[in-house]
Amino acid sequence: MPIYEFVDTETGEEFELFLKISEREEFLKDNPTIKGKMSAPMIVGGVDGLRKVDDGFKEVLQKIGEQNPQSNFGREINSAKTGQQGQVNKAVDKWKKKAAKDKKVYK
C-alpha cells in the first residue's frame, strides 16, 4: 500500500495517509474539501550487487581457466587447486624469469 499526500483546501493543511488505491478513491469521494497532492512516485528497485553468480557461469569460467592455465585468469581460477598445477606454475615462472634475463620476452 502506498503513502498518499493530501491537502485540505479549506485549511491548507497537508497530510499523508497509508491507503490502498480503492480506499484512496473512497476517501476523496467522502471528503470533497480534500484534494490529492501530486508527488514523485516511490520506486523500489531490486538490490544491486547482492546477486548470486549462477553455477553454470562458474562452470564456464572454470573451463576457460583450465584451458588457459598460464594466463592470469587461469591462475586465479585454478588457485584452489594445489599439487601438479602449482608446480607447473612455478616452473613456468622460473622459465619466464630466465628468458627475461636473456632478453627474450615471452608472455
PDB file of N, CA and C in Angstrom:
ATOM      1  N   MET A   1       0.845  -1.177   0.000  1.00  0.00           N
ATOM      2  CA  MET A   1       0.000   0.000   0.000  1.00  0.00           C
ATOM      3  C   MET A   1       0.890   1.239   0.000  1.00  0.00           C
ATOM      4  N   PRO A   2       0.588   2.163  -0.873  1.00  0.00           N
ATOM      5  CA  PRO A   2       1.395   3.390  -0.945  1.00  0.00           C
ATOM      6  C   PRO A   2       0.950   4.453   0.057  1.00  0.00           C
ATOM      7  N   ILE A   3       1.822   5.409   0.230  1.00  0.00           N
ATOM      8  CA  ILE A   3       1.527   6.569   1.068  1.00  0.00           C
ATOM      9  C   ILE A   3       1.095   7.701   0.137  1.00  0.00           C
ATOM     10  N   TYR A   4      -0.095   8.242   0.377  1.00  0.00           N
ATOM     11  CA  TYR A   4      -0.628   9.330  -0.445  1.00  0.00           C
ATOM     12  C   TYR A   4      -0.570  10.637   0.322  1.00  0.00           C
ATOM     13  N   GLU A   5      -0.307  11.717  -0.399  1.00  0.00           N
ATOM     14  CA  GLU A   5      -0.299  13.052   0.198  1.00  0.00           C
ATOM     15  C   GLU A   5      -1.593  13.757  -0.182  1.00  0.00           C
ATOM     16  N   PHE A   6      -2.174  14.445   0.807  1.00  0.00           N
ATOM     17  CA  PHE A   6      -3.435  15.155   0.601  1.00  0.00           C
ATOM     18  C   PHE A   6      -3.318  16.582   1.118  1.00  0.00           C
ATOM     19  N   VAL A   7      -4.196  17.466   0.593  1.00  0.00           N
ATOM     20  CA  VAL A   7      -4.274  18.860   1.029  1.00  0.00           C
ATOM     21  C   VAL A   7      -5.732  19.177   1.302  1.00  0.00           C
ATOM     22  N   ASP A   8      -6.002  19.745   2.477  1.00  0.00           N
ATOM     23  CA  ASP A   8      -7.354  20.213   2.801  1.00  0.00           C
ATOM     24  C   ASP A   8      -7.476  21.610   2.218  1.00  0.00           C
ATOM     25  N   THR A   9      -8.380  21.797   1.251  1.00  0.00           N
ATOM     26  CA  THR A   9      -8.497  23.079   0.559  1.00  0.00           C
ATOM     27  C   THR A   9      -9.045  24.185   1.462  1.00  0.00           C
ATOM     28  N   GLU A  10      -9.763  23.862   2.528  1.00  0.00           N
ATOM     29  CA  GLU A  10     -10.304  24.883   3.437  1.00  0.00           C
ATOM     30  C   GLU A  10      -9.234  25.404   4.394  1.00  0.00           C
ATOM     31  N   THR A  11      -8.434  24.524   4.938  1.00  0.00           N
ATOM     32  CA  THR A  11      -7.451  24.936   5.945  1.00  0.00           C
ATOM     33  C   THR A  11      -6.031  25.024   5.389  1.00  0.00           C
ATOM     34  N   GLY A  12      -5.775  24.422   4.234  1.00  0.00           N
ATOM     35  CA  GLY A  12      -4.435  24.409   3.660  1.00  0.00           C
ATOM     36  C   GLY A  12      -3.517  23.384   4.317  1.00  0.00           C
ATOM     37  N   GLU A  13      -4.077  22.568   5.202  1.00  0.00           N
ATOM     38  CA  GLU A  13      -3.293  21.551   5.903  1.00  0.00           C
ATOM     39  C   GLU A  13      -2.893  20.427   4.950  1.00  0.00           C
ATOM     40  N   GLU A  14      -1.635  20.035   5.031  1.00  0.00           N
ATOM     41  CA  GLU A  14      -1.134  18.919   4.231  1.00  0.00           C
ATOM     42  C   GLU A  14      -0.887  17.734   5.144  1.00  0.00           C
ATOM     43  N   PHE A  15      -1.254  16.534   4.672  1.00  0.00           N
ATOM     44  CA  PHE A  15      -1.047  15.328   5.470  1.00  0.00           C
ATOM     45  C   PHE A  15      -0.888  14.116   4.558  1.00  0.00           C
ATOM     46  N   GLU A  16      -0.412  13.044   5.152  1.00  0.00           N
ATOM     47  CA  GLU A  16      -0.184  11.801   4.410  1.00  0.00           C
ATOM     48  C   GLU A  16      -1.003  10.678   5.025  1.00  0.00           C
ATOM     49  N   LEU A  17      -1.475   9.774   4.156  1.00  0.00           N
ATOM     50  CA  LEU A  17      -2.199   8.596   4.618  1.00  0.00           C
ATOM     51  C   LEU A  17      -1.675   7.360   3.894  1.00  0.00           C
ATOM     52  N   PHE A  18      -1.696   6.267   4.608  1.00  0.00           N
ATOM     53  CA  PHE A  18      -1.255   4.983   4.084  1.00  0.00           C
ATOM     54  C   PHE A  18      -2.515   4.213   3.696  1.00  0.00           C
ATOM     55  N   LEU A  19      -2.847   4.206   2.389  1.00  0.00           N
ATOM     56  CA  LEU A  19      -4.108   3.631   1.924  1.00  0.00           C
ATOM     57  C   LEU A  19      -3.921   2.740   0.711  1.00  0.00           C
ATOM     58  N   LYS A  20      -4.906   1.859   0.510  1.00  0.00           N
ATOM     59  CA  LYS A  20      -4.988   1.120  -0.746  1.00  0.00           C
ATOM     60  C   LYS A  20      -5.539   2.076  -1.798  1.00  0.00           C
ATOM     61  N   ILE A  21      -5.371   1.730  -3.067  1.00  0.00           N
ATOM     62  CA  ILE A  21      -5.871   2.598  -4.141  1.00  0.00           C
ATOM     63  C   ILE A  21      -7.381   2.761  -4.024  1.00  0.00           C
ATOM     64  N   SER A  22      -8.095   1.673  -3.777  1.00  0.00           N
ATOM     65  CA  SER A  22      -9.560   1.750  -3.661  1.00  0.00           C
ATOM     66  C   SER A  22      -9.971   2.595  -2.456  1.00  0.00           C
ATOM     67  N   GLU A  23      -9.220   2.496  -1.360  1.00  0.00           N
ATOM     68  CA  GLU A  23      -9.519   3.297  -0.171  1.00  0.00           C
ATOM     69  C   GLU A  23      -9.280   4.775  -0.442  1.00  0.00           C
ATOM     70  N   ARG A  24      -8.268   5.098  -1.248  1.00  0.00           N
ATOM     71  CA  ARG A  24      -7.970   6.494  -1.581  1.00  0.00           C
ATOM     72  C   ARG A  24      -9.129   7.114  -2.347  1.00  0.00           C
ATOM     73  N   GLU A  25      -9.621   6.382  -3.343  1.00  0.00           N
ATOM     74  CA  GLU A  25     -10.735   6.899  -4.145  1.00  0.00           C
ATOM     75  C   GLU A  25     -11.961   7.121  -3.277  1.00  0.00           C
ATOM     76  N   GLU A  26     -12.243   6.183  -2.389  1.00  0.00           N
ATOM     77  CA  GLU A  26     -13.395   6.308  -1.495  1.00  0.00           C
ATOM     78  C   GLU A  26     -13.204   7.483  -0.526  1.00  0.00           C
ATOM     79  N   PHE A  27     -11.976   7.648  -0.012  1.00  0.00           N
ATOM     80  CA  PHE A  27     -11.679   8.755   0.907  1.00  0.00           C
ATOM     81  C   PHE A  27     -11.916  10.104   0.232  1.00  0.00           C
ATOM     82  N   LEU A  28     -11.493  10.240  -1.024  1.00  0.00           N
ATOM     83  CA  LEU A  28     -11.669  11.506  -1.739  1.00  0.00           C
ATOM     84  C   LEU A  28     -13.143  11.775  -2.041  1.00  0.00           C
ATOM     85  N   LYS A  29     -13.919  10.731  -2.305  1.00  0.00           N
ATOM     86  CA  LYS A  29     -15.362  10.913  -2.539  1.00  0.00           C
ATOM     87  C   LYS A  29     -16.072  11.358  -1.267  1.00  0.00           C
ATOM     88  N   ASP A  30     -15.684  10.780  -0.123  1.00  0.00           N
ATOM     89  CA  ASP A  30     -16.318  11.110   1.163  1.00  0.00           C
ATOM     90  C   ASP A  30     -15.901  12.474   1.694  1.00  0.00           C
ATOM     91  N   ASN A  31     -14.772  13.002   1.246  1.00  0.00           N
ATOM     92  CA  ASN A  31     -14.253  14.285   1.736  1.00  0.00           C
ATOM     93  C   ASN A  31     -13.999  15.220   0.558  1.00  0.00           C
ATOM     94  N   PRO A  32     -15.027  15.969   0.117  1.00  0.00           N
ATOM     95  CA  PRO A  32     -14.877  16.811  -1.084  1.00  0.00           C
ATOM     96  C   PRO A  32     -13.922  17.992  -0.906  1.00  0.00           C
ATOM     97  N   THR A  33     -13.617  18.391   0.341  1.00  0.00           N
ATOM     98  CA  THR A  33     -12.703  19.517   0.547  1.00  0.00           C
ATOM     99  C   THR A  33     -11.237  19.079   0.514  1.00  0.00           C
ATOM    100  N   ILE A  34     -11.010  17.799   0.411  1.00  0.00           N
ATOM    101  CA  ILE A  34      -9.635  17.281   0.390  1.00  0.00           C
ATOM    102  C   ILE A  34      -9.282  16.872  -1.029  1.00  0.00           C
ATOM    103  N   LYS A  35      -8.118  17.320  -1.456  1.00  0.00           N
ATOM    104  CA  LYS A  35      -7.621  17.005  -2.797  1.00  0.00           C
ATOM    105  C   LYS A  35      -6.310  16.238  -2.675  1.00  0.00           C
ATOM    106  N   GLY A  36      -6.095  15.353  -3.614  1.00  0.00           N
ATOM    107  CA  GLY A  36      -4.833  14.622  -3.649  1.00  0.00           C
ATOM    108  C   GLY A  36      -3.709  15.525  -4.125  1.00  0.00           C
ATOM    109  N   LYS A  37      -2.573  15.433  -3.487  1.00  0.00           N
ATOM    110  CA  LYS A  37      -1.411  16.240  -3.857  1.00  0.00           C
ATOM    111  C   LYS A  37      -0.510  15.400  -4.748  1.00  0.00           C
ATOM    112  N   MET A  38      -0.061  15.989  -5.844  1.00  0.00           N
ATOM    113  CA  MET A  38       0.829  15.283  -6.751  1.00  0.00           C
ATOM    114  C   MET A  38       2.227  15.259  -6.143  1.00  0.00           C
ATOM    115  N   SER A  39       2.825  14.074  -6.125  1.00  0.00           N
ATOM    116  CA  SER A  39       4.183  13.935  -5.611  1.00  0.00           C
ATOM    117  C   SER A  39       4.911  12.896  -6.453  1.00  0.00           C
ATOM    118  N   ALA A  40       6.197  12.863  -6.276  1.00  0.00           N
ATOM    119  CA  ALA A  40       7.009  11.894  -7.017  1.00  0.00           C
ATOM    120  C   ALA A  40       6.665  10.483  -6.538  1.00  0.00           C
ATOM    121  N   PRO A  41       6.572   9.548  -7.457  1.00  0.00           N
ATOM    122  CA  PRO A  41       6.252   8.180  -7.042  1.00  0.00           C
ATOM    123  C   PRO A  41       7.420   7.543  -6.296  1.00  0.00           C
ATOM    124  N   MET A  42       7.093   6.711  -5.344  1.00  0.00           N
ATOM    125  CA  MET A  42       8.107   5.968  -4.603  1.00  0.00           C
ATOM    126  C   MET A  42       8.422   4.700  -5.395  1.00  0.00           C
ATOM    127  N   ILE A  43       9.614   4.619  -5.918  1.00  0.00           N
ATOM    128  CA  ILE A  43      10.002   3.472  -6.728  1.00  0.00           C
ATOM    129  C   ILE A  43      10.969   2.619  -5.928  1.00  0.00           C
ATOM    130  N   VAL A  44      10.653   1.363  -5.835  1.00  0.00           N
ATOM    131  CA  VAL A  44      11.514   0.429  -5.125  1.00  0.00           C
ATOM    132  C   VAL A  44      12.102  -0.518  -6.151  1.00  0.00           C
ATOM    133  N   GLY A  45      13.411  -0.554  -6.228  1.00  0.00           N
ATOM    134  CA  GLY A  45      14.071  -1.416  -7.195  1.00  0.00           C
ATOM    135  C   GLY A  45      14.679  -2.628  -6.517  1.00  0.00           C
ATOM    136  N   GLY A  46      15.318  -3.429  -7.317  1.00  0.00           N
ATOM    137  CA  GLY A  46      16.000  -4.609  -6.796  1.00  0.00           C
ATOM    138  C   GLY A  46      17.241  -4.210  -6.021  1.00  0.00           C
ATOM    139  N   VAL A  47      17.802  -5.132  -5.348  1.00  0.00           N
ATOM    140  CA  VAL A  47      19.012  -4.901  -4.575  1.00  0.00           C
ATOM    141  C   VAL A  47      20.203  -5.136  -5.492  1.00  0.00           C
ATOM    142  N   ASP A  48      20.972  -4.101  -5.748  1.00  0.00           N
ATOM    143  CA  ASP A  48      22.113  -4.224  -6.645  1.00  0.00           C
ATOM    144  C   ASP A  48      23.331  -4.736  -5.887  1.00  0.00           C
ATOM    145  N   GLY A  49      24.097  -5.541  -6.571  1.00  0.00           N
ATOM    146  CA  GLY A  49      25.349  -6.013  -6.009  1.00  0.00           C
ATOM    147  C   GLY A  49      25.244  -7.221  -5.104  1.00  0.00           C
ATOM    148  N   LEU A  50      24.060  -7.725  -4.882  1.00  0.00           N
ATOM    149  CA  LEU A  50      23.913  -8.873  -3.998  1.00  0.00           C
ATOM    150  C   LEU A  50      23.388 -10.098  -4.742  1.00  0.00           C
ATOM    151  N   ARG A  51      23.616 -10.141  -6.009  1.00  0.00           N
ATOM    152  CA  ARG A  51      23.131 -11.274  -6.788  1.00  0.00           C
ATOM    153  C   ARG A  51      24.140 -12.417  -6.731  1.00  0.00           C
ATOM    154  N   LYS A  52      23.618 -13.611  -6.635  1.00  0.00           N
ATOM    155  CA  LYS A  52      24.469 -14.796  -6.599  1.00  0.00           C
ATOM    156  C   LYS A  52      24.838 -15.178  -8.030  1.00  0.00           C
ATOM    157  N   VAL A  53      26.101 -15.501  -8.236  1.00  0.00           N
ATOM    158  CA  VAL A  53      26.565 -15.908  -9.553  1.00  0.00           C
ATOM    159  C   VAL A  53      26.037 -17.314  -9.835  1.00  0.00           C
ATOM    160  N   ASP A  54      25.484 -17.496 -11.019  1.00  0.00           N
ATOM    161  CA  ASP A  54      24.922 -18.767 -11.429  1.00  0.00           C
ATOM    162  C   ASP A  54      25.998 -19.843 -11.485  1.00  0.00           C
ATOM    163  N   ASP A  55      25.654 -21.060 -11.059  1.00  0.00           N
ATOM    164  CA  ASP A  55      26.616 -22.166 -11.059  1.00  0.00           C
ATOM    165  C   ASP A  55      27.072 -22.518 -12.469  1.00  0.00           C
ATOM    166  N   GLY A  56      26.181 -22.379 -13.456  1.00  0.00           N
ATOM    167  CA  GLY A  56      26.561 -22.647 -14.840  1.00  0.00           C
ATOM    168  C   GLY A  56      27.633 -21.688 -15.320  1.00  0.00           C
ATOM    169  N   PHE A  57      27.511 -20.419 -14.912  1.00  0.00           N
ATOM    170  CA  PHE A  57      28.504 -19.417 -15.287  1.00  0.00           C
ATOM    171  C   PHE A  57      29.845 -19.729 -14.626  1.00  0.00           C
ATOM    172  N   LYS A  58      29.793 -20.153 -13.356  1.00  0.00           N
ATOM    173  CA  LYS A  58      31.025 -20.528 -12.653  1.00  0.00           C
ATOM    174  C   LYS A  58      31.722 -21.685 -13.374  1.00  0.00           C
ATOM    175  N   GLU A  59      30.915 -22.629 -13.855  1.00  0.00           N
ATOM    176  CA  GLU A  59      31.486 -23.783 -14.559  1.00  0.00           C
ATOM    177  C   GLU A  59      32.168 -23.354 -15.856  1.00  0.00           C
ATOM    178  N   VAL A  60      31.553 -22.416 -16.584  1.00  0.00           N
ATOM    179  CA  VAL A  60      32.153 -21.913 -17.817  1.00  0.00           C
ATOM    180  C   VAL A  60      33.478 -21.216 -17.515  1.00  0.00           C
ATOM    181  N   LEU A  61      33.508 -20.396 -16.467  1.00  0.00           N
ATOM    182  CA  LEU A  61      34.749 -19.718 -16.086  1.00  0.00           C
ATOM    183  C   LEU A  61      35.830 -20.728 -15.709  1.00  0.00           C
ATOM    184  N   GLN A  62      35.434 -21.785 -15.010  1.00  0.00           N
ATOM    185  CA  GLN A  62      36.402 -22.802 -14.616  1.00  0.00           C
ATOM    186  C   GLN A  62      36.986 -23.502 -15.848  1.00  0.00           C
ATOM    187  N   LYS A  63      36.135 -23.790 -16.834  1.00  0.00           N
ATOM    188  CA  LYS A  63      36.622 -24.435 -18.055  1.00  0.00           C
ATOM    189  C   LYS A  63      37.586 -23.521 -18.816  1.00  0.00           C
ATOM    190  N   ILE A  64      37.286 -22.233 -18.846  1.00  0.00           N
ATOM    191  CA  ILE A  64      38.183 -21.277 -19.501  1.00  0.00           C
ATOM    192  C   ILE A  64      39.521 -21.252 -18.778  1.00  0.00           C
ATOM    193  N   GLY A  65      39.471 -21.229 -17.449  1.00  0.00           N
ATOM    194  CA  GLY A  65      40.695 -21.236 -16.653  1.00  0.00           C
ATOM    195  C   GLY A  65      41.522 -22.492 -16.860  1.00  0.00           C
ATOM    196  N   GLU A  66      40.845 -23.634 -16.998  1.00  0.00           N
ATOM    197  CA  GLU A  66      41.558 -24.891 -17.226  1.00  0.00           C
ATOM    198  C   GLU A  66      42.206 -24.935 -18.604  1.00  0.00           C
ATOM    199  N   GLN A  67      41.577 -24.315 -19.592  1.00  0.00           N
ATOM    200  CA  GLN A  67      42.124 -24.294 -20.944  1.00  0.00           C
ATOM    201  C   GLN A  67      43.271 -23.300 -21.080  1.00  0.00           C
ATOM    202  N   ASN A  68      43.326 -22.322 -20.191  1.00  0.00           N
ATOM    203  CA  ASN A  68      44.366 -21.287 -20.229  1.00  0.00           C
ATOM    204  C   ASN A  68      45.041 -21.196 -18.859  1.00  0.00           C
ATOM    205  N   PRO A  69      45.714 -22.266 -18.435  1.00  0.00           N
ATOM    206  CA  PRO A  69      46.232 -22.293 -17.063  1.00  0.00           C
ATOM    207  C   PRO A  69      47.344 -21.293 -16.789  1.00  0.00           C
ATOM    208  N   GLN A  70      48.059 -20.821 -17.811  1.00  0.00           N
ATOM    209  CA  GLN A  70      49.173 -19.912 -17.563  1.00  0.00           C
ATOM    210  C   GLN A  70      48.768 -18.442 -17.646  1.00  0.00           C
ATOM    211  N   SER A  71      47.517 -18.170 -18.005  1.00  0.00           N
ATOM    212  CA  SER A  71      47.062 -16.780 -18.020  1.00  0.00           C
ATOM    213  C   SER A  71      46.770 -16.342 -16.584  1.00  0.00           C
ATOM    214  N   ASN A  72      46.702 -15.037 -16.373  1.00  0.00           N
ATOM    215  CA  ASN A  72      46.386 -14.533 -15.036  1.00  0.00           C
ATOM    216  C   ASN A  72      45.023 -15.049 -14.582  1.00  0.00           C
ATOM    217  N   PHE A  73      44.081 -15.072 -15.526  1.00  0.00           N
ATOM    218  CA  PHE A  73      42.742 -15.558 -15.198  1.00  0.00           C
ATOM    219  C   PHE A  73      42.780 -17.037 -14.820  1.00  0.00           C
ATOM    220  N   GLY A  74      43.515 -17.821 -15.599  1.00  0.00           N
ATOM    221  CA  GLY A  74      43.626 -19.249 -15.316  1.00  0.00           C
ATOM    222  C   GLY A  74      44.249 -19.526 -13.969  1.00  0.00           C
ATOM    223  N   ARG A  75      45.260 -18.747 -13.615  1.00  0.00           N
ATOM    224  CA  ARG A  75      45.907 -18.921 -12.313  1.00  0.00           C
ATOM    225  C   ARG A  75      44.954 -18.571 -11.177  1.00  0.00           C
ATOM    226  N   GLU A  76      44.158 -17.529 -11.383  1.00  0.00           N
ATOM    227  CA  GLU A  76      43.210 -17.127 -10.347  1.00  0.00           C
ATOM    228  C   GLU A  76      42.137 -18.199 -10.151  1.00  0.00           C
ATOM    229  N   ILE A  77      41.602 -18.710 -11.239  1.00  0.00           N
ATOM    230  CA  ILE A  77      40.559 -19.732 -11.160  1.00  0.00           C
ATOM    231  C   ILE A  77      41.117 -21.026 -10.573  1.00  0.00           C
ATOM    232  N   ASN A  78      42.314 -21.389 -10.970  1.00  0.00           N
ATOM    233  CA  ASN A  78      42.903 -22.651 -10.538  1.00  0.00           C
ATOM    234  C   ASN A  78      43.715 -22.528  -9.256  1.00  0.00           C
ATOM    235  N   SER A  79      43.636 -21.383  -8.576  1.00  0.00           N
ATOM    236  CA  SER A  79      44.453 -21.183  -7.376  1.00  0.00           C
ATOM    237  C   SER A  79      44.053 -22.146  -6.261  1.00  0.00           C
ATOM    238  N   ALA A  80      42.811 -22.585  -6.262  1.00  0.00           N
ATOM    239  CA  ALA A  80      42.374 -23.516  -5.230  1.00  0.00           C
ATOM    240  C   ALA A  80      42.979 -24.901  -5.447  1.00  0.00           C
ATOM    241  N   LYS A  81      43.368 -25.184  -6.671  1.00  0.00           N
ATOM    242  CA  LYS A  81      43.952 -26.484  -6.974  1.00  0.00           C
ATOM    243  C   LYS A  81      45.441 -26.429  -6.631  1.00  0.00           C
ATOM    244  N   THR A  82      45.892 -27.368  -5.875  1.00  0.00           N
ATOM    245  CA  THR A  82      47.305 -27.406  -5.498  1.00  0.00           C
ATOM    246  C   THR A  82      47.953 -28.611  -6.173  1.00  0.00           C
ATOM    247  N   GLY A  83      49.162 -28.822  -5.837  1.00  0.00           N
ATOM    248  CA  GLY A  83      49.825 -30.002  -6.378  1.00  0.00           C
ATOM    249  C   GLY A  83      50.437 -29.738  -7.730  1.00  0.00           C
ATOM    250  N   GLN A  84      50.055 -30.527  -8.694  1.00  0.00           N
ATOM    251  CA  GLN A  84      50.706 -30.501 -10.004  1.00  0.00           C
ATOM    252  C   GLN A  84      50.577 -29.138 -10.678  1.00  0.00           C
ATOM    253  N   GLN A  85      49.404 -28.505 -10.634  1.00  0.00           N
ATOM    254  CA  GLN A  85      49.242 -27.215 -11.303  1.00  0.00           C
ATOM    255  C   GLN A  85      50.131 -26.162 -10.659  1.00  0.00           C
ATOM    256  N   GLY A  86      50.265 -26.212  -9.336  1.00  0.00           N
ATOM    257  CA  GLY A  86      51.148 -25.276  -8.647  1.00  0.00           C
ATOM    258  C   GLY A  86      52.597 -25.459  -9.065  1.00  0.00           C
ATOM    259  N   GLN A  87      53.013 -26.691  -9.229  1.00  0.00           N
ATOM    260  CA  GLN A  87      54.377 -26.974  -9.655  1.00  0.00           C
ATOM    261  C   GLN A  87      54.600 -26.492 -11.088  1.00  0.00           C
ATOM    262  N   VAL A  88      53.599 -26.681 -11.932  1.00  0.00           N
ATOM    263  CA  VAL A  88      53.708 -26.210 -13.320  1.00  0.00           C
ATOM    264  C   VAL A  88      53.830 -24.696 -13.338  1.00  0.00           C
ATOM    265  N   ASN A  89      53.014 -24.008 -12.541  1.00  0.00           N
ATOM    266  CA  ASN A  89      53.065 -22.544 -12.493  1.00  0.00           C
ATOM    267  C   ASN A  89      54.451 -22.057 -12.043  1.00  0.00           C
ATOM    268  N   LYS A  90      55.020 -22.713 -11.034  1.00  0.00           N
ATOM    269  CA  LYS A  90      56.358 -22.328 -10.562  1.00  0.00           C
ATOM    270  C   LYS A  90      57.408 -22.535 -11.648  1.00  0.00           C
ATOM    271  N   ALA A  91      57.317 -23.652 -12.362  1.00  0.00           N
ATOM    272  CA  ALA A  91      58.281 -23.934 -13.425  1.00  0.00           C
ATOM    273  C   ALA A  91      58.166 -22.908 -14.547  1.00  0.00           C
ATOM    274  N   VAL A  92      56.949 -22.552 -14.916  1.00  0.00           N
ATOM    275  CA  VAL A  92      56.759 -21.562 -15.976  1.00  0.00           C
ATOM    276  C   VAL A  92      57.277 -20.199 -15.542  1.00  0.00           C
ATOM    277  N   ASP A  93      57.015 -19.816 -14.287  1.00  0.00           N
ATOM    278  CA  ASP A  93      57.518 -18.537 -13.781  1.00  0.00           C
ATOM    279  C   ASP A  93      59.046 -18.500 -13.808  1.00  0.00           C
ATOM    280  N   LYS A  94      59.648 -19.590 -13.399  1.00  0.00           N
ATOM    281  CA  LYS A  94      61.114 -19.689 -13.405  1.00  0.00           C
ATOM    282  C   LYS A  94      61.652 -19.556 -14.828  1.00  0.00           C
ATOM    283  N   TRP A  95      60.988 -20.212 -15.770  1.00  0.00           N
ATOM    284  CA  TRP A  95      61.405 -20.152 -17.170  1.00  0.00           C
ATOM    285  C   TRP A  95      61.254 -18.739 -17.731  1.00  0.00           C
ATOM    286  N   LYS A  96      60.134 -18.062 -17.364  1.00  0.00           N
ATOM    287  CA  LYS A  96      59.906 -16.697 -17.848  1.00  0.00           C
ATOM    288  C   LYS A  96      60.963 -15.736 -17.298  1.00  0.00           C
ATOM    289  N   LYS A  97      61.333 -15.906 -16.030  1.00  0.00           N
ATOM    290  CA  LYS A  97      62.366 -15.035 -15.443  1.00  0.00           C
ATOM    291  C   LYS A  97      63.705 -15.232 -16.147  1.00  0.00           C
ATOM    292  N   LYS A  98      64.034 -16.483 -16.406  1.00  0.00           N
ATOM    293  CA  LYS A  98      65.297 -16.781 -17.089  1.00  0.00           C
ATOM    294  C   LYS A  98      65.279 -16.222 -18.504  1.00  0.00           C
ATOM    295  N   ALA A  99      64.151 -16.360 -19.199  1.00  0.00           N
ATOM    296  CA  ALA A  99      64.042 -15.853 -20.562  1.00  0.00           C
ATOM    297  C   ALA A  99      64.106 -14.331 -20.583  1.00  0.00           C
ATOM    298  N   ALA A 100      63.541 -13.682 -19.564  1.00  0.00           N
ATOM    299  CA  ALA A 100      63.589 -12.223 -19.498  1.00  0.00           C
ATOM    300  C   ALA A 100      65.017 -11.738 -19.290  1.00  0.00           C
ATOM    301  N   LYS A 101      65.799 -12.474 -18.508  1.00  0.00           N
ATOM    302  CA  LYS A 101      67.201 -12.112 -18.302  1.00  0.00           C
ATOM    303  C   LYS A 101      67.996 -12.271 -19.591  1.00  0.00           C
ATOM    304  N   ASP A 102      67.606 -13.238 -20.390  1.00  0.00           N
ATOM    305  CA  ASP A 102      68.293 -13.477 -21.661  1.00  0.00           C
ATOM    306  C   ASP A 102      67.767 -12.561 -22.762  1.00  0.00           C
ATOM    307  N   LYS A 103      66.945 -11.571 -22.385  1.00  0.00           N
ATOM    308  CA  LYS A 103      66.375 -10.576 -23.302  1.00  0.00           C
ATOM    309  C   LYS A 103      65.336 -11.163 -24.259  1.00  0.00           C
ATOM    310  N   LYS A 104      64.841 -12.311 -23.958  1.00  0.00           N
ATOM    311  CA  LYS A 104      63.749 -12.885 -24.732  1.00  0.00           C
ATOM    312  C   LYS A 104      62.497 -12.716 -23.895  1.00  0.00           C
ATOM    313  N   VAL A 105      61.520 -12.049 -24.446  1.00  0.00           N
ATOM    314  CA  VAL A 105      60.308 -11.781 -23.688  1.00  0.00           C
ATOM    315  C   VAL A 105      59.199 -12.689 -24.200  1.00  0.00           C
ATOM    316  N   TYR A 106      58.638 -13.472 -23.331  1.00  0.00           N
ATOM    317  CA  TYR A 106      57.521 -14.351 -23.644  1.00  0.00           C
ATOM    318  C   TYR A 106      56.377 -13.996 -22.715  1.00  0.00           C
ATOM    319  N   LYS A 107      55.228 -13.843 -23.285  1.00  0.00           N
ATOM    320  CA  LYS A 107      54.064 -13.528 -22.458  1.00  0.00           C
ATOM    321  C   LYS A 107      52.990 -14.556 -22.654  1.00  0.00           C
TER     322      LYS A 107
END
